[in-house]
Amino acid sequence: MSTPVTRHLDTGELRARLASDSPPRLLDVRSPAEFEAAHIPGAYNVPLDTLREHREELTRHLDTDVVLVCRSGQRAGAAERALAEAGLPGLTVLSGGMTAWEKSGAPVNHGQERWDMERQVRLVAGSLVLVGALGSLAVPGMQLLSAFVGGGLAFAAISNTCAMGVLLSKMPWNRTPSFDPRAAVAQLADSGR
């Protein structure tokens, strides 16, 4: 049995589809804070960890006319794989994600500005490496912290996952008081086609 190939749409194609008589539903799989900062009008926010948790329920409320959106396309690809494993193959991913969407001049709803997850991961990983390297001058063996972080980053690249990103997404500054995972799933159910 062959695995369906992920379909990709560029920003121009998505804009045309959104302007059509039967626009696709947009699922933005970024953190609630990232979504609040900027999102495509009409998109639903179902963060990747929530999507994975509720994927069986979500597949009952979705059809294949869904475009998955994240910052660059990586998390949207992971969301597509998770939904395909739950029985909803053939979804579409926005190529280049919100980064490409915003660069194209497409409409965006803006809210409170926050750092995106990739930037937060770079800050934390870089800080830990720096602490490990400089700390090793005073505390023998402290360089192991840098080696541990480097190994984690290499594993993240190979496995296309990011444990640090998952942990950071659970931090208070990446949560919005109004986000409720059950409400997000219910909102999709209520908007069903």
N, C-alpha and C. Protein backbone atom coordinates (compact mmCIF):
# COMPACT_ATOMS: atom_id res chain seq x y z
N MET A 1 0.84 -1.17 0.00
CA MET A 1 0.00 0.00 0.00
C MET A 1 0.89 1.24 0.00
N SER A 2 0.70 2.13 -0.95
CA SER A 2 1.56 3.30 -1.06
C SER A 2 1.01 4.44 -0.20
N THR A 3 1.94 5.23 0.31
CA THR A 3 1.58 6.38 1.12
C THR A 3 1.26 7.54 0.19
N PRO A 4 0.13 8.25 0.42
CA PRO A 4 -0.19 9.39 -0.43
C PRO A 4 0.87 10.47 -0.31
N VAL A 5 1.14 11.13 -1.40
CA VAL A 5 2.12 12.21 -1.42
C VAL A 5 1.43 13.48 -0.93
N THR A 6 2.11 14.21 -0.06
CA THR A 6 1.56 15.46 0.45
C THR A 6 1.45 16.45 -0.71
N ARG A 7 0.29 17.07 -0.81
CA ARG A 7 0.09 18.10 -1.82
C ARG A 7 0.50 19.44 -1.23
N HIS A 8 1.11 20.26 -2.06
CA HIS A 8 1.53 21.60 -1.64
C HIS A 8 0.87 22.63 -2.53
N LEU A 9 0.59 23.77 -1.95
CA LEU A 9 -0.03 24.88 -2.65
C LEU A 9 0.81 26.11 -2.39
N ASP A 10 1.09 26.91 -3.41
CA ASP A 10 1.82 28.15 -3.14
C ASP A 10 0.81 29.24 -2.79
N THR A 11 1.30 30.39 -2.39
CA THR A 11 0.41 31.45 -1.90
C THR A 11 -0.56 31.93 -2.98
N GLY A 12 -0.10 32.04 -4.20
CA GLY A 12 -0.99 32.48 -5.29
C GLY A 12 -2.13 31.50 -5.51
N GLU A 13 -1.81 30.21 -5.50
CA GLU A 13 -2.85 29.19 -5.69
C GLU A 13 -3.84 29.22 -4.52
N LEU A 14 -3.34 29.39 -3.30
CA LEU A 14 -4.24 29.43 -2.15
C LEU A 14 -5.13 30.67 -2.20
N ARG A 15 -4.57 31.79 -2.57
CA ARG A 15 -5.39 33.01 -2.68
C ARG A 15 -6.52 32.81 -3.68
N ALA A 16 -6.21 32.18 -4.81
CA ALA A 16 -7.24 31.91 -5.82
C ALA A 16 -8.31 30.96 -5.28
N ARG A 17 -7.89 29.92 -4.57
CA ARG A 17 -8.85 28.96 -4.00
C ARG A 17 -9.71 29.61 -2.93
N LEU A 18 -9.12 30.50 -2.12
CA LEU A 18 -9.90 31.17 -1.08
C LEU A 18 -10.93 32.12 -1.67
N ALA A 19 -10.65 32.67 -2.86
CA ALA A 19 -11.58 33.58 -3.51
C ALA A 19 -12.64 32.84 -4.33
N SER A 20 -12.53 31.52 -4.44
CA SER A 20 -13.47 30.74 -5.25
C SER A 20 -14.80 30.52 -4.51
N ASP A 21 -15.75 29.91 -5.20
CA ASP A 21 -17.06 29.61 -4.60
C ASP A 21 -16.98 28.54 -3.53
N SER A 22 -15.96 27.70 -3.57
CA SER A 22 -15.82 26.65 -2.55
C SER A 22 -14.40 26.68 -1.98
N PRO A 23 -14.14 27.65 -1.10
CA PRO A 23 -12.79 27.76 -0.53
C PRO A 23 -12.50 26.62 0.44
N PRO A 24 -11.23 26.25 0.55
CA PRO A 24 -10.85 25.20 1.51
C PRO A 24 -10.88 25.75 2.93
N ARG A 25 -10.93 24.87 3.90
CA ARG A 25 -10.78 25.29 5.29
C ARG A 25 -9.29 25.37 5.58
N LEU A 26 -8.92 26.33 6.38
CA LEU A 26 -7.52 26.53 6.76
C LEU A 26 -7.33 26.13 8.21
N LEU A 27 -6.38 25.22 8.46
CA LEU A 27 -6.00 24.83 9.81
C LEU A 27 -4.60 25.34 10.06
N ASP A 28 -4.46 26.26 10.98
CA ASP A 28 -3.16 26.81 11.35
C ASP A 28 -2.68 26.03 12.56
N VAL A 29 -1.56 25.31 12.41
CA VAL A 29 -1.09 24.39 13.45
C VAL A 29 0.00 25.00 14.34
N ARG A 30 0.18 26.31 14.25
CA ARG A 30 1.17 26.98 15.11
C ARG A 30 0.61 27.14 16.52
N SER A 31 1.45 27.60 17.42
CA SER A 31 1.01 27.83 18.81
C SER A 31 -0.05 28.93 18.82
N PRO A 32 -0.89 28.95 19.87
CA PRO A 32 -1.90 30.01 19.97
C PRO A 32 -1.29 31.41 19.94
N ALA A 33 -0.12 31.58 20.55
CA ALA A 33 0.52 32.89 20.56
C ALA A 33 0.96 33.30 19.16
N GLU A 34 1.53 32.36 18.40
CA GLU A 34 1.93 32.66 17.02
C GLU A 34 0.70 33.00 16.18
N PHE A 35 -0.36 32.22 16.37
CA PHE A 35 -1.60 32.46 15.62
C PHE A 35 -2.17 33.83 15.96
N GLU A 36 -2.17 34.17 17.24
CA GLU A 36 -2.69 35.47 17.66
C GLU A 36 -1.89 36.61 17.05
N ALA A 37 -0.58 36.43 16.92
CA ALA A 37 0.27 37.49 16.37
C ALA A 37 -0.06 37.78 14.91
N ALA A 38 -0.29 36.74 14.12
CA ALA A 38 -0.60 36.92 12.70
C ALA A 38 -1.16 35.62 12.13
N HIS A 39 -2.28 35.72 11.42
CA HIS A 39 -2.85 34.54 10.78
C HIS A 39 -3.66 34.94 9.55
N ILE A 40 -3.90 33.96 8.72
CA ILE A 40 -4.70 34.17 7.51
C ILE A 40 -6.15 34.33 7.94
N PRO A 41 -6.84 35.36 7.45
CA PRO A 41 -8.25 35.53 7.82
C PRO A 41 -9.06 34.26 7.53
N GLY A 42 -9.87 33.88 8.50
CA GLY A 42 -10.72 32.70 8.35
C GLY A 42 -10.08 31.40 8.78
N ALA A 43 -8.81 31.43 9.17
CA ALA A 43 -8.12 30.20 9.58
C ALA A 43 -8.56 29.79 10.99
N TYR A 44 -8.52 28.49 11.23
CA TYR A 44 -8.79 27.92 12.55
C TYR A 44 -7.45 27.53 13.17
N ASN A 45 -7.29 27.83 14.45
CA ASN A 45 -6.06 27.48 15.15
C ASN A 45 -6.23 26.16 15.89
N VAL A 46 -5.50 25.16 15.43
CA VAL A 46 -5.44 23.86 16.10
C VAL A 46 -3.95 23.53 16.19
N PRO A 47 -3.28 23.93 17.29
CA PRO A 47 -1.84 23.70 17.42
C PRO A 47 -1.49 22.23 17.20
N LEU A 48 -0.29 21.99 16.72
CA LEU A 48 0.14 20.64 16.36
C LEU A 48 -0.04 19.66 17.51
N ASP A 49 0.32 20.03 18.73
CA ASP A 49 0.16 19.09 19.84
C ASP A 49 -1.31 18.78 20.10
N THR A 50 -2.19 19.77 19.97
CA THR A 50 -3.64 19.55 20.12
C THR A 50 -4.15 18.68 18.99
N LEU A 51 -3.68 18.95 17.78
CA LEU A 51 -4.10 18.16 16.63
C LEU A 51 -3.73 16.69 16.82
N ARG A 52 -2.51 16.44 17.28
CA ARG A 52 -2.08 15.05 17.50
C ARG A 52 -2.95 14.38 18.57
N GLU A 53 -3.26 15.12 19.63
CA GLU A 53 -4.07 14.59 20.72
C GLU A 53 -5.49 14.25 20.29
N HIS A 54 -6.07 15.07 19.42
CA HIS A 54 -7.48 14.95 19.03
C HIS A 54 -7.65 14.55 17.57
N ARG A 55 -6.65 13.94 16.98
CA ARG A 55 -6.71 13.69 15.53
C ARG A 55 -7.85 12.79 15.11
N GLU A 56 -8.19 11.77 15.90
CA GLU A 56 -9.31 10.91 15.52
C GLU A 56 -10.61 11.70 15.50
N GLU A 57 -10.80 12.55 16.50
CA GLU A 57 -11.99 13.38 16.56
C GLU A 57 -12.01 14.39 15.41
N LEU A 58 -10.86 14.98 15.13
CA LEU A 58 -10.78 15.96 14.04
C LEU A 58 -11.12 15.35 12.69
N THR A 59 -10.68 14.12 12.46
CA THR A 59 -10.96 13.50 11.15
C THR A 59 -12.45 13.34 10.92
N ARG A 60 -13.25 13.27 11.99
CA ARG A 60 -14.70 13.17 11.82
C ARG A 60 -15.31 14.49 11.37
N HIS A 61 -14.59 15.60 11.56
CA HIS A 61 -15.14 16.92 11.24
C HIS A 61 -14.46 17.58 10.04
N LEU A 62 -13.53 16.88 9.44
CA LEU A 62 -12.80 17.45 8.30
C LEU A 62 -13.01 16.59 7.06
N ASP A 63 -12.92 17.25 5.92
CA ASP A 63 -12.84 16.51 4.67
C ASP A 63 -11.46 16.76 4.10
N THR A 64 -11.21 16.34 2.89
CA THR A 64 -9.86 16.50 2.34
C THR A 64 -9.61 17.90 1.77
N ASP A 65 -10.63 18.76 1.78
CA ASP A 65 -10.43 20.12 1.27
C ASP A 65 -9.98 21.03 2.41
N VAL A 66 -8.81 20.72 2.94
CA VAL A 66 -8.21 21.45 4.06
C VAL A 66 -6.78 21.80 3.68
N VAL A 67 -6.38 23.03 3.98
CA VAL A 67 -5.00 23.45 3.79
C VAL A 67 -4.40 23.69 5.17
N LEU A 68 -3.29 23.04 5.43
CA LEU A 68 -2.58 23.15 6.70
C LEU A 68 -1.53 24.24 6.61
N VAL A 69 -1.46 25.07 7.64
CA VAL A 69 -0.58 26.24 7.64
C VAL A 69 0.24 26.25 8.92
N CYS A 70 1.52 26.60 8.79
CA CYS A 70 2.37 26.87 9.96
C CYS A 70 3.30 28.01 9.56
N ARG A 71 4.40 28.16 10.23
CA ARG A 71 5.31 29.26 9.91
C ARG A 71 6.04 29.03 8.60
N SER A 72 6.59 27.81 8.41
CA SER A 72 7.40 27.56 7.21
C SER A 72 6.94 26.35 6.41
N GLY A 73 6.11 25.51 6.97
CA GLY A 73 5.65 24.30 6.29
C GLY A 73 6.03 23.02 7.00
N GLN A 74 6.96 23.07 7.95
CA GLN A 74 7.42 21.87 8.64
C GLN A 74 6.34 21.29 9.55
N ARG A 75 5.78 22.11 10.44
CA ARG A 75 4.75 21.61 11.35
C ARG A 75 3.49 21.22 10.59
N ALA A 76 3.18 21.96 9.53
CA ALA A 76 2.01 21.60 8.72
C ALA A 76 2.21 20.23 8.08
N GLY A 77 3.43 19.93 7.65
CA GLY A 77 3.73 18.60 7.11
C GLY A 77 3.57 17.52 8.16
N ALA A 78 4.00 17.80 9.39
CA ALA A 78 3.83 16.84 10.49
C ALA A 78 2.35 16.65 10.80
N ALA A 79 1.57 17.73 10.73
CA ALA A 79 0.13 17.63 10.96
C ALA A 79 -0.53 16.80 9.87
N GLU A 80 -0.10 16.97 8.64
CA GLU A 80 -0.66 16.19 7.52
C GLU A 80 -0.40 14.71 7.75
N ARG A 81 0.82 14.37 8.17
CA ARG A 81 1.14 12.96 8.43
C ARG A 81 0.30 12.40 9.58
N ALA A 82 0.12 13.19 10.64
CA ALA A 82 -0.68 12.74 11.79
C ALA A 82 -2.13 12.50 11.38
N LEU A 83 -2.69 13.38 10.59
CA LEU A 83 -4.08 13.20 10.15
C LEU A 83 -4.21 12.05 9.15
N ALA A 84 -3.18 11.86 8.32
CA ALA A 84 -3.20 10.72 7.38
C ALA A 84 -3.18 9.40 8.16
N GLU A 85 -2.38 9.33 9.23
CA GLU A 85 -2.33 8.12 10.07
C GLU A 85 -3.67 7.86 10.74
N ALA A 86 -4.44 8.93 10.97
CA ALA A 86 -5.76 8.79 11.61
C ALA A 86 -6.87 8.54 10.58
N GLY A 87 -6.49 8.43 9.30
CA GLY A 87 -7.49 8.09 8.29
C GLY A 87 -7.94 9.23 7.40
N LEU A 88 -7.23 10.35 7.40
CA LEU A 88 -7.59 11.47 6.53
C LEU A 88 -6.40 11.85 5.65
N PRO A 89 -6.12 11.03 4.63
CA PRO A 89 -4.97 11.31 3.77
C PRO A 89 -5.28 12.38 2.72
N GLY A 90 -4.23 12.89 2.13
CA GLY A 90 -4.38 13.78 0.97
C GLY A 90 -4.67 15.23 1.28
N LEU A 91 -4.34 15.70 2.47
CA LEU A 91 -4.53 17.12 2.77
C LEU A 91 -3.43 17.93 2.10
N THR A 92 -3.61 19.22 2.08
CA THR A 92 -2.67 20.12 1.39
C THR A 92 -1.94 20.97 2.41
N VAL A 93 -0.67 21.27 2.12
CA VAL A 93 0.17 22.11 2.97
C VAL A 93 0.51 23.38 2.20
N LEU A 94 0.41 24.53 2.87
CA LEU A 94 0.80 25.80 2.26
C LEU A 94 2.33 25.85 2.19
N SER A 95 2.87 25.86 0.99
CA SER A 95 4.33 25.93 0.80
C SER A 95 4.86 27.24 1.37
N GLY A 96 5.88 27.13 2.21
CA GLY A 96 6.49 28.32 2.79
C GLY A 96 5.72 28.90 3.95
N GLY A 97 4.53 28.37 4.24
CA GLY A 97 3.74 28.77 5.39
C GLY A 97 3.45 30.26 5.47
N MET A 98 3.27 30.74 6.69
CA MET A 98 2.94 32.15 6.93
C MET A 98 4.06 33.07 6.46
N THR A 99 5.29 32.58 6.49
CA THR A 99 6.40 33.41 6.02
C THR A 99 6.19 33.78 4.56
N ALA A 100 5.89 32.79 3.73
CA ALA A 100 5.64 33.05 2.30
C ALA A 100 4.36 33.85 2.11
N TRP A 101 3.34 33.53 2.88
CA TRP A 101 2.05 34.23 2.77
C TRP A 101 2.23 35.73 3.02
N GLU A 102 2.93 36.06 4.10
CA GLU A 102 3.14 37.47 4.42
C GLU A 102 4.03 38.16 3.39
N LYS A 103 5.08 37.47 2.92
CA LYS A 103 5.98 38.06 1.91
C LYS A 103 5.25 38.35 0.61
N SER A 104 4.20 37.58 0.32
CA SER A 104 3.47 37.77 -0.94
C SER A 104 2.52 38.97 -0.86
N GLY A 105 2.34 39.53 0.32
CA GLY A 105 1.43 40.66 0.48
C GLY A 105 -0.02 40.24 0.63
N ALA A 106 -0.25 38.96 0.88
CA ALA A 106 -1.61 38.45 1.07
C ALA A 106 -2.18 38.99 2.38
N PRO A 107 -3.50 39.02 2.50
CA PRO A 107 -4.11 39.57 3.72
C PRO A 107 -3.78 38.75 4.97
N VAL A 108 -3.54 39.48 6.06
CA VAL A 108 -3.17 38.86 7.33
C VAL A 108 -3.91 39.60 8.45
N ASN A 109 -4.47 38.84 9.39
CA ASN A 109 -5.01 39.44 10.61
C ASN A 109 -3.86 39.52 11.61
N HIS A 110 -3.58 40.73 12.10
CA HIS A 110 -2.48 40.92 13.05
C HIS A 110 -3.03 41.15 14.45
N GLY A 111 -2.33 40.63 15.43
CA GLY A 111 -2.66 40.82 16.83
C GLY A 111 -1.40 41.22 17.57
N GLN A 112 -1.30 40.78 18.83
CA GLN A 112 -0.13 41.08 19.64
C GLN A 112 1.10 40.38 19.07
N GLU A 113 2.16 41.14 18.83
CA GLU A 113 3.40 40.59 18.25
C GLU A 113 4.12 39.70 19.26
N ARG A 114 4.53 38.52 18.81
CA ARG A 114 5.28 37.58 19.64
C ARG A 114 6.35 36.92 18.79
N TRP A 115 7.36 36.40 19.45
CA TRP A 115 8.40 35.68 18.73
C TRP A 115 7.86 34.35 18.24
N ASP A 116 8.22 33.96 17.01
CA ASP A 116 7.80 32.65 16.53
C ASP A 116 8.63 31.56 17.20
N MET A 117 8.16 30.33 17.12
CA MET A 117 8.76 29.22 17.85
C MET A 117 10.21 28.97 17.44
N GLU A 118 10.50 29.06 16.16
CA GLU A 118 11.87 28.81 15.70
C GLU A 118 12.84 29.80 16.34
N ARG A 119 12.43 31.05 16.43
CA ARG A 119 13.29 32.08 17.03
C ARG A 119 13.51 31.79 18.51
N GLN A 120 12.45 31.35 19.20
CA GLN A 120 12.59 31.00 20.62
C GLN A 120 13.54 29.82 20.81
N VAL A 121 13.43 28.82 19.94
CA VAL A 121 14.32 27.65 20.03
C VAL A 121 15.77 28.09 19.82
N ARG A 122 16.00 28.94 18.83
CA ARG A 122 17.37 29.42 18.58
C ARG A 122 17.92 30.16 19.79
N LEU A 123 17.08 31.00 20.43
CA LEU A 123 17.53 31.75 21.61
C LEU A 123 17.90 30.80 22.75
N VAL A 124 17.03 29.85 23.06
CA VAL A 124 17.28 28.95 24.18
C VAL A 124 18.47 28.04 23.88
N ALA A 125 18.49 27.44 22.69
CA ALA A 125 19.60 26.54 22.35
C ALA A 125 20.93 27.29 22.35
N GLY A 126 20.95 28.46 21.72
CA GLY A 126 22.19 29.25 21.70
C GLY A 126 22.64 29.67 23.08
N SER A 127 21.69 30.04 23.93
CA SER A 127 22.03 30.43 25.31
C SER A 127 22.60 29.26 26.09
N LEU A 128 21.99 28.08 25.94
CA LEU A 128 22.50 26.90 26.65
C LEU A 128 23.90 26.52 26.17
N VAL A 129 24.15 26.60 24.88
CA VAL A 129 25.48 26.29 24.35
C VAL A 129 26.50 27.30 24.89
N LEU A 130 26.12 28.58 24.89
CA LEU A 130 27.02 29.61 25.40
C LEU A 130 27.31 29.40 26.89
N VAL A 131 26.28 29.11 27.68
CA VAL A 131 26.47 28.84 29.11
C VAL A 131 27.39 27.63 29.30
N GLY A 132 27.18 26.58 28.52
CA GLY A 132 28.02 25.39 28.62
C GLY A 132 29.46 25.67 28.27
N ALA A 133 29.67 26.42 27.19
CA ALA A 133 31.04 26.72 26.75
C ALA A 133 31.75 27.64 27.74
N LEU A 134 31.11 28.74 28.12
CA LEU A 134 31.75 29.68 29.05
C LEU A 134 31.84 29.09 30.47
N GLY A 135 30.81 28.35 30.86
CA GLY A 135 30.81 27.74 32.18
C GLY A 135 31.90 26.72 32.35
N SER A 136 32.31 26.08 31.25
CA SER A 136 33.37 25.06 31.34
C SER A 136 34.71 25.66 31.72
N LEU A 137 34.85 26.99 31.59
CA LEU A 137 36.09 27.64 32.03
C LEU A 137 36.20 27.63 33.55
N ALA A 138 35.04 27.63 34.23
CA ALA A 138 35.04 27.65 35.69
C ALA A 138 34.66 26.29 36.29
N VAL A 139 33.83 25.54 35.59
CA VAL A 139 33.34 24.26 36.12
C VAL A 139 33.70 23.16 35.11
N PRO A 140 34.65 22.31 35.47
CA PRO A 140 35.02 21.23 34.55
C PRO A 140 33.80 20.35 34.22
N GLY A 141 33.68 20.00 32.98
CA GLY A 141 32.58 19.14 32.52
C GLY A 141 31.34 19.91 32.07
N MET A 142 31.31 21.20 32.29
CA MET A 142 30.14 22.00 31.91
C MET A 142 29.94 22.02 30.39
N GLN A 143 31.01 21.74 29.63
CA GLN A 143 30.90 21.71 28.18
C GLN A 143 29.97 20.59 27.71
N LEU A 144 29.68 19.64 28.61
CA LEU A 144 28.74 18.57 28.26
C LEU A 144 27.35 19.12 27.99
N LEU A 145 26.99 20.24 28.61
CA LEU A 145 25.71 20.89 28.33
C LEU A 145 25.66 21.29 26.86
N SER A 146 26.75 21.88 26.37
CA SER A 146 26.80 22.28 24.96
C SER A 146 26.71 21.07 24.04
N ALA A 147 27.40 19.99 24.42
CA ALA A 147 27.35 18.77 23.61
C ALA A 147 25.94 18.19 23.60
N PHE A 148 25.27 18.20 24.75
CA PHE A 148 23.91 17.69 24.85
C PHE A 148 22.96 18.49 23.96
N VAL A 149 23.05 19.80 24.01
CA VAL A 149 22.19 20.66 23.18
C VAL A 149 22.50 20.44 21.70
N GLY A 150 23.79 20.36 21.35
CA GLY A 150 24.16 20.10 19.96
C GLY A 150 23.62 18.77 19.46
N GLY A 151 23.71 17.73 20.30
CA GLY A 151 23.14 16.43 19.95
C GLY A 151 21.64 16.51 19.77
N GLY A 152 20.97 17.25 20.65
CA GLY A 152 19.52 17.43 20.53
C GLY A 152 19.13 18.13 19.25
N LEU A 153 19.90 19.14 18.87
CA LEU A 153 19.61 19.86 17.62
C LEU A 153 19.84 18.96 16.40
N ALA A 154 20.91 18.15 16.44
CA ALA A 154 21.15 17.22 15.34
C ALA A 154 20.02 16.20 15.24
N PHE A 155 19.58 15.66 16.39
CA PHE A 155 18.47 14.70 16.39
C PHE A 155 17.20 15.37 15.86
N ALA A 156 16.96 16.62 16.26
CA ALA A 156 15.77 17.35 15.80
C ALA A 156 15.78 17.47 14.27
N ALA A 157 16.93 17.74 13.71
CA ALA A 157 17.03 17.87 12.25
C ALA A 157 16.80 16.53 11.56
N ILE A 158 17.40 15.47 12.09
CA ILE A 158 17.28 14.14 11.47
C ILE A 158 15.85 13.62 11.59
N SER A 159 15.24 13.78 12.75
CA SER A 159 13.90 13.23 12.98
C SER A 159 12.78 14.18 12.57
N ASN A 160 13.13 15.42 12.23
CA ASN A 160 12.16 16.45 11.86
C ASN A 160 11.15 16.68 13.01
N THR A 161 11.65 16.61 14.24
CA THR A 161 10.87 16.91 15.43
C THR A 161 11.68 17.90 16.27
N CYS A 162 11.07 18.48 17.24
CA CYS A 162 11.81 19.41 18.09
C CYS A 162 11.24 19.39 19.49
N ALA A 163 11.88 18.62 20.37
CA ALA A 163 11.43 18.52 21.76
C ALA A 163 11.47 19.88 22.44
N MET A 164 12.49 20.68 22.14
CA MET A 164 12.59 22.00 22.76
C MET A 164 11.42 22.88 22.32
N GLY A 165 11.06 22.80 21.05
CA GLY A 165 9.92 23.56 20.55
C GLY A 165 8.61 23.14 21.23
N VAL A 166 8.45 21.83 21.44
CA VAL A 166 7.26 21.33 22.13
C VAL A 166 7.22 21.87 23.55
N LEU A 167 8.36 21.82 24.24
CA LEU A 167 8.42 22.34 25.61
C LEU A 167 8.14 23.84 25.66
N LEU A 168 8.75 24.57 24.73
CA LEU A 168 8.53 26.02 24.71
C LEU A 168 7.08 26.37 24.39
N SER A 169 6.43 25.57 23.56
CA SER A 169 5.03 25.86 23.21
C SER A 169 4.11 25.76 24.42
N LYS A 170 4.56 25.06 25.46
CA LYS A 170 3.75 24.91 26.67
C LYS A 170 4.02 26.01 27.71
N MET A 171 4.98 26.88 27.42
CA MET A 171 5.31 27.96 28.35
C MET A 171 4.19 29.01 28.35
N PRO A 172 4.01 29.69 29.48
CA PRO A 172 2.90 30.66 29.62
C PRO A 172 2.87 31.74 28.54
N TRP A 173 4.04 32.22 28.10
CA TRP A 173 4.05 33.28 27.10
C TRP A 173 3.63 32.78 25.73
N ASN A 174 3.60 31.46 25.51
CA ASN A 174 3.15 30.90 24.25
C ASN A 174 1.70 30.41 24.30
N ARG A 175 1.07 30.60 25.42
CA ARG A 175 -0.34 30.24 25.57
C ARG A 175 -1.13 31.54 25.61
N THR A 176 -2.31 31.50 25.07
CA THR A 176 -3.18 32.66 25.18
C THR A 176 -4.30 32.28 26.13
N PRO A 177 -4.74 33.21 26.95
CA PRO A 177 -5.77 32.87 27.94
C PRO A 177 -7.05 32.35 27.29
N SER A 178 -7.30 32.75 26.07
CA SER A 178 -8.55 32.37 25.43
C SER A 178 -8.49 31.02 24.72
N PHE A 179 -7.31 30.39 24.60
CA PHE A 179 -7.23 29.14 23.85
C PHE A 179 -7.65 27.96 24.71
N ASP A 180 -8.60 27.21 24.19
CA ASP A 180 -9.10 26.00 24.84
C ASP A 180 -9.11 24.90 23.77
N PRO A 181 -8.29 23.85 23.92
CA PRO A 181 -8.23 22.81 22.89
C PRO A 181 -9.59 22.21 22.53
N ARG A 182 -10.42 21.96 23.54
CA ARG A 182 -11.73 21.37 23.27
C ARG A 182 -12.61 22.33 22.46
N ALA A 183 -12.51 23.61 22.79
CA ALA A 183 -13.28 24.62 22.06
C ALA A 183 -12.81 24.72 20.61
N ALA A 184 -11.50 24.59 20.38
CA ALA A 184 -10.98 24.64 19.01
C ALA A 184 -11.54 23.49 18.18
N VAL A 185 -11.57 22.29 18.77
CA VAL A 185 -12.12 21.13 18.06
C VAL A 185 -13.62 21.32 17.84
N ALA A 186 -14.33 21.81 18.86
CA ALA A 186 -15.77 22.04 18.74
C ALA A 186 -16.08 23.08 17.67
N GLN A 187 -15.24 24.11 17.57
CA GLN A 187 -15.43 25.15 16.56
C GLN A 187 -15.34 24.55 15.17
N LEU A 188 -14.41 23.63 14.96
CA LEU A 188 -14.31 22.96 13.66
C LEU A 188 -15.55 22.11 13.40
N ALA A 189 -16.04 21.43 14.43
CA ALA A 189 -17.22 20.60 14.28
C ALA A 189 -18.42 21.46 13.92
N ASP A 190 -18.57 22.61 14.55
CA ASP A 190 -19.70 23.50 14.28
C ASP A 190 -19.64 24.12 12.89
N SER A 191 -18.43 24.27 12.36
CA SER A 191 -18.28 24.88 11.03
C SER A 191 -18.27 23.84 9.94
N GLY A 192 -18.53 22.59 10.28
CA GLY A 192 -18.44 21.47 9.33
C GLY A 192 -19.23 21.70 8.07
N ARG A 193 -18.79 20.99 7.05
CA ARG A 193 -19.47 21.10 5.75
C ARG A 193 -20.30 19.90 5.51
